[in-house]
N, C-alpha and C. Protein backbone atom coordinates (compact mmCIF):
# COMPACT_ATOMS: atom_id res chain seq x y z
N MET A 1 11.46 6.61 17.77
CA MET A 1 11.23 7.80 17.01
C MET A 1 10.08 6.47 16.53
N SER A 2 10.85 5.26 16.61
CA SER A 2 9.52 4.18 15.68
C SER A 2 7.84 4.49 16.73
N ASN A 3 7.78 4.26 18.07
CA ASN A 3 7.00 4.93 18.64
C ASN A 3 6.27 5.93 18.45
N GLU A 4 6.58 6.73 17.55
CA GLU A 4 5.71 8.49 17.32
C GLU A 4 5.60 7.33 16.11
N LYS A 5 5.82 6.42 15.11
CA LYS A 5 5.34 6.13 13.97
C LYS A 5 4.24 5.64 14.42
N GLU A 6 4.45 4.56 15.71
CA GLU A 6 2.87 3.73 16.05
C GLU A 6 1.94 4.42 16.22
N ASP A 7 2.11 5.42 16.93
CA ASP A 7 1.54 6.17 17.66
C ASP A 7 0.35 6.61 16.37
N PHE A 8 1.42 7.34 15.80
CA PHE A 8 0.10 7.92 14.26
C PHE A 8 -0.83 7.70 14.08
N ASP A 9 0.34 5.83 13.29
CA ASP A 9 -0.25 4.81 12.77
C ASP A 9 -1.61 4.38 13.65
N ARG A 10 -1.86 4.27 14.87
CA ARG A 10 -2.83 3.79 15.67
C ARG A 10 -4.60 5.39 15.80
N LEU A 11 -3.38 7.00 15.35
CA LEU A 11 -4.12 7.93 15.50
C LEU A 11 -5.02 7.66 14.11
N LEU A 12 -4.67 7.66 13.33
CA LEU A 12 -4.75 7.74 12.18
C LEU A 12 -6.24 6.70 12.20
N ALA A 13 -5.71 5.58 12.62
CA ALA A 13 -7.08 4.77 12.92
C ALA A 13 -7.94 4.65 13.35
N GLU A 14 -7.83 5.21 14.01
CA GLU A 14 -8.20 6.57 15.34
C GLU A 14 -9.86 6.91 14.06
N TYR A 15 -9.00 8.28 13.67
CA TYR A 15 -9.29 9.11 12.60
C TYR A 15 -10.37 7.90 11.68
N ARG A 16 -9.89 7.41 11.08
CA ARG A 16 -10.34 6.36 9.77
C ARG A 16 -12.31 5.54 10.18
N SER A 17 -11.92 5.85 11.66
CA SER A 17 -13.38 4.86 12.69
C SER A 17 -13.68 5.91 12.48
N ILE A 18 -13.93 7.03 12.71
CA ILE A 18 -14.79 8.50 13.11
C ILE A 18 -15.54 8.47 11.79
N TRP A 19 -14.21 8.85 10.75
CA TRP A 19 -14.88 9.03 9.04
C TRP A 19 -14.84 7.45 7.99
N ASN A 20 -15.38 6.59 8.64
CA ASN A 20 -15.91 5.45 7.76
C ASN A 20 -16.40 5.31 6.79
N ASN A 21 -16.35 6.22 5.93
CA ASN A 21 -17.34 6.42 4.57
C ASN A 21 -15.74 8.02 4.12
N ARG A 22 -14.75 7.84 4.44
CA ARG A 22 -14.61 8.81 3.51
C ARG A 22 -12.37 7.66 3.32
N LEU A 23 -12.64 8.20 2.07
CA LEU A 23 -11.19 7.33 1.42
C LEU A 23 -10.52 8.56 1.52
N LEU A 24 -9.14 8.05 1.96
CA LEU A 24 -8.21 9.19 3.01
C LEU A 24 -6.68 9.46 2.01
N VAL A 25 -6.22 9.97 1.33
CA VAL A 25 -5.66 9.70 0.67
C VAL A 25 -3.87 9.61 1.43
N THR A 26 -4.04 8.34 0.85
CA THR A 26 -2.17 8.21 1.53
C THR A 26 -0.99 8.28 1.81
N CYS A 27 -0.35 9.22 2.18
CA CYS A 27 0.74 10.18 1.98
C CYS A 27 2.42 8.56 1.89
N GLU A 28 2.24 8.53 1.08
CA GLU A 28 3.73 7.37 1.53
C GLU A 28 3.67 7.05 2.90
N LYS A 29 3.29 5.86 2.79
CA LYS A 29 3.42 5.45 4.24
C LYS A 29 3.52 5.82 5.11
N ASN A 30 3.19 7.02 5.50
CA ASN A 30 3.39 8.64 6.25
C ASN A 30 2.50 8.64 7.15
N SER A 31 1.67 8.13 7.65
CA SER A 31 0.57 8.00 9.16
C SER A 31 0.19 9.58 9.12
N GLU A 32 1.66 10.19 9.50
CA GLU A 32 1.66 11.75 9.99
C GLU A 32 1.14 12.42 9.06
N ALA A 33 1.41 12.66 7.84
CA ALA A 33 1.21 13.20 7.09
C ALA A 33 0.01 13.19 6.56
N THR A 34 -0.44 11.68 6.46
CA THR A 34 -2.30 11.48 5.53
C THR A 34 -2.68 11.88 6.40
N LEU A 35 -3.27 11.35 8.42
CA LEU A 35 -3.84 12.70 8.84
C LEU A 35 -4.24 13.27 8.45
N LYS A 36 -2.87 14.27 8.99
CA LYS A 36 -2.65 15.86 8.93
C LYS A 36 -3.14 16.26 7.74
N GLU A 37 -2.92 16.04 6.35
CA GLU A 37 -3.65 16.21 4.81
C GLU A 37 -5.10 16.03 5.08
N ALA A 38 -5.95 14.44 6.17
CA ALA A 38 -7.00 14.57 5.71
C ALA A 38 -7.39 15.43 6.80
N ILE A 39 -7.11 15.52 7.94
CA ILE A 39 -7.69 16.78 8.80
C ILE A 39 -7.83 18.43 8.28
N LYS A 40 -6.80 18.10 7.77
CA LYS A 40 -6.84 20.58 6.15
C LYS A 40 -7.52 20.27 5.84
N ARG A 41 -7.74 18.77 5.00
CA ARG A 41 -8.86 18.79 3.08
C ARG A 41 -10.22 18.55 4.42
N GLU A 42 -10.35 18.59 6.17
CA GLU A 42 -11.33 17.83 6.27
C GLU A 42 -12.06 19.67 5.99
N LEU A 43 -11.04 20.40 6.94
CA LEU A 43 -10.78 21.78 7.60
C LEU A 43 -12.00 22.47 6.90
N LEU A 44 -10.72 22.34 5.39
CA LEU A 44 -10.55 23.66 4.44
C LEU A 44 -12.71 22.95 3.69
N ASP A 45 -13.44 21.98 3.92
CA ASP A 45 -13.95 21.24 3.21
C ASP A 45 -14.36 20.94 1.86
N GLU A 46 -12.94 20.37 1.50
CA GLU A 46 -12.90 19.89 0.30
C GLU A 46 -13.51 18.84 -0.55
N ASN A 47 -13.81 18.33 1.11
CA ASN A 47 -14.70 16.83 0.77
C ASN A 47 -16.03 17.17 0.41
N SER A 48 -16.21 18.67 -0.04
CA SER A 48 -17.34 18.85 -0.19
C SER A 48 -17.47 19.51 -1.54
N HIS A 49 -18.90 19.60 -1.99
CA HIS A 49 -19.09 20.15 -3.45
C HIS A 49 -18.96 22.06 -3.18
N PRO A 50 -18.70 22.66 -3.89
CA PRO A 50 -17.68 24.17 -3.74
C PRO A 50 -19.17 24.82 -3.47
N ARG A 51 -20.36 24.64 -3.97
CA ARG A 51 -21.72 25.15 -3.51
C ARG A 51 -21.88 25.25 -2.11
N ILE A 52 -21.79 23.46 -1.34
CA ILE A 52 -22.58 23.61 -0.09
C ILE A 52 -21.56 23.72 1.14
N ARG A 53 -20.30 23.81 0.70
CA ARG A 53 -19.16 24.38 1.32
C ARG A 53 -19.67 25.22 2.43
N LYS A 54 -19.08 24.82 4.26
CA LYS A 54 -18.87 25.72 5.04
C LYS A 54 -17.56 26.29 5.33
N ASN A 55 -17.17 27.33 6.41
CA ASN A 55 -16.50 28.16 6.45
C ASN A 55 -15.88 27.25 7.20
N ARG A 56 -14.15 27.53 7.38
CA ARG A 56 -13.29 26.14 8.31
C ARG A 56 -13.63 26.71 9.63
N TYR A 57 -14.44 27.84 9.85
CA TYR A 57 -15.24 27.81 11.67
C TYR A 57 -16.14 26.72 12.15
N GLU A 58 -16.91 26.98 10.44
CA GLU A 58 -17.84 25.36 11.21
C GLU A 58 -17.53 24.00 10.84
N LYS A 59 -16.86 24.17 10.56
CA LYS A 59 -15.90 22.71 9.84
C LYS A 59 -15.40 22.13 11.86
N TYR A 60 -14.74 23.62 11.65
CA TYR A 60 -13.74 22.41 12.78
C TYR A 60 -14.59 22.39 14.23
N TYR A 61 -16.09 23.08 14.41
CA TYR A 61 -16.54 22.84 15.52
C TYR A 61 -17.49 21.60 15.02
N PHE A 62 -18.22 21.28 13.79
CA PHE A 62 -19.34 19.94 13.43
C PHE A 62 -17.22 19.13 13.78
N ALA A 63 -16.33 18.63 13.44
CA ALA A 63 -15.17 17.93 13.68
C ALA A 63 -14.80 17.73 15.05
N ILE A 64 -15.01 18.63 15.44
CA ILE A 64 -14.67 18.39 17.09
C ILE A 64 -15.76 17.28 17.87
N LYS A 65 -17.23 18.22 17.65
CA LYS A 65 -17.70 17.43 18.26
C LYS A 65 -17.98 15.94 17.32
N ARG A 66 -17.98 15.88 16.22
CA ARG A 66 -18.08 14.15 16.05
C ARG A 66 -17.07 13.97 16.96
N VAL A 67 -16.26 14.18 16.70
CA VAL A 67 -14.58 13.19 17.36
C VAL A 67 -14.50 13.58 18.58
N MET A 68 -15.96 14.54 19.39
CA MET A 68 -16.32 13.92 20.87
C MET A 68 -16.94 13.19 21.66
N ASN A 69 -17.85 12.91 20.62
CA ASN A 69 -19.05 11.74 20.12
C ASN A 69 -18.64 10.65 20.09
N SER A 70 -17.48 10.67 19.34
CA SER A 70 -17.04 9.35 18.75
C SER A 70 -16.62 8.27 19.74
N THR A 71 -16.52 7.10 19.70
CA THR A 71 -15.82 5.74 20.51
C THR A 71 -14.65 5.81 20.41
N VAL A 72 -13.62 6.77 19.77
CA VAL A 72 -11.91 6.58 19.92
C VAL A 72 -11.61 7.08 22.22
N SER A 73 -10.37 6.06 22.32
CA SER A 73 -10.64 6.33 23.21
C SER A 73 -10.28 8.12 23.47
N GLN A 74 -10.40 8.15 24.78
CA GLN A 74 -9.89 9.66 25.64
C GLN A 74 -8.79 10.36 25.24
N GLU A 75 -7.14 9.30 25.34
CA GLU A 75 -6.26 10.09 25.31
C GLU A 75 -5.71 10.30 23.01
N GLY A 76 -6.68 9.44 21.90
CA GLY A 76 -6.71 9.76 21.20
C GLY A 76 -7.82 10.96 20.64
N LYS A 77 -8.74 10.99 21.53
CA LYS A 77 -9.59 11.65 20.99
C LYS A 77 -9.15 13.28 21.15
N LEU A 78 -8.63 13.36 22.29
CA LEU A 78 -7.13 14.51 22.92
C LEU A 78 -5.93 15.04 22.00
N LEU A 79 -5.51 13.83 21.56
CA LEU A 79 -4.86 13.60 20.23
C LEU A 79 -5.20 14.83 18.72
N ILE A 80 -6.43 13.73 18.19
CA ILE A 80 -6.77 14.32 17.58
C ILE A 80 -7.30 15.61 17.50
N ILE A 81 -8.09 15.90 18.08
CA ILE A 81 -8.43 17.51 18.85
C ILE A 81 -7.03 18.35 18.83
N GLU A 82 -5.80 18.23 19.46
CA GLU A 82 -4.40 18.87 19.60
C GLU A 82 -4.23 18.64 17.95
N ILE A 83 -4.54 18.09 17.15
CA ILE A 83 -3.46 18.13 16.01
C ILE A 83 -4.68 19.19 15.08
N HIS A 84 -5.93 18.99 15.40
CA HIS A 84 -7.43 19.70 14.39
C HIS A 84 -6.26 21.40 14.77
N ASN A 85 -6.35 21.76 16.26
CA ASN A 85 -6.05 22.93 16.63
C ASN A 85 -4.90 23.51 15.94
N GLN A 86 -3.35 22.35 15.37
CA GLN A 86 -2.58 22.40 15.07
C GLN A 86 -3.15 23.43 13.62
N ILE A 87 -3.59 22.00 12.57
CA ILE A 87 -3.88 22.29 11.71
C ILE A 87 -4.81 23.75 11.40
N MET A 88 -5.33 24.30 12.39
CA MET A 88 -5.74 24.84 12.42
C MET A 88 -5.92 26.29 12.48
N GLU A 89 -4.67 26.55 13.07
CA GLU A 89 -3.71 27.55 13.29
C GLU A 89 -3.48 27.70 12.17
N GLU A 90 -2.77 27.08 11.47
CA GLU A 90 -1.54 26.77 10.13
C GLU A 90 -2.33 27.62 9.22
N VAL A 91 -3.76 27.03 8.69
CA VAL A 91 -4.76 27.43 7.85
C VAL A 91 -5.20 28.59 8.01
N ASP A 92 -5.20 29.25 9.41
CA ASP A 92 -5.73 30.94 8.90
C ASP A 92 -4.51 31.58 8.58
N LEU A 93 -3.63 30.79 9.18
CA LEU A 93 -1.98 31.52 8.88
C LEU A 93 -1.63 32.12 7.11
N LEU A 94 -2.57 31.54 6.01
CA LEU A 94 -2.61 31.64 4.64
C LEU A 94 -3.51 32.81 4.40
């Protein structure tokens, strides 16, 4: 289990490197929850002013494009995109 925690610690660090100016709300020192909440906020465009928000499909496209163009490891990119897909499916069920 500690290996999974270390994986999420690493993924969160890689995600932070992509969004270097973004403050992330930390979830009780839980990297997995922090990362998933940050991605959900990103897809729902909660970091933008309400008048300029884009829909989640546009946000998904731009997020994936940004991940792919980043210097994050290939494995990190795939895992971050996988989490984006998971969160996108959950958001679509709301």
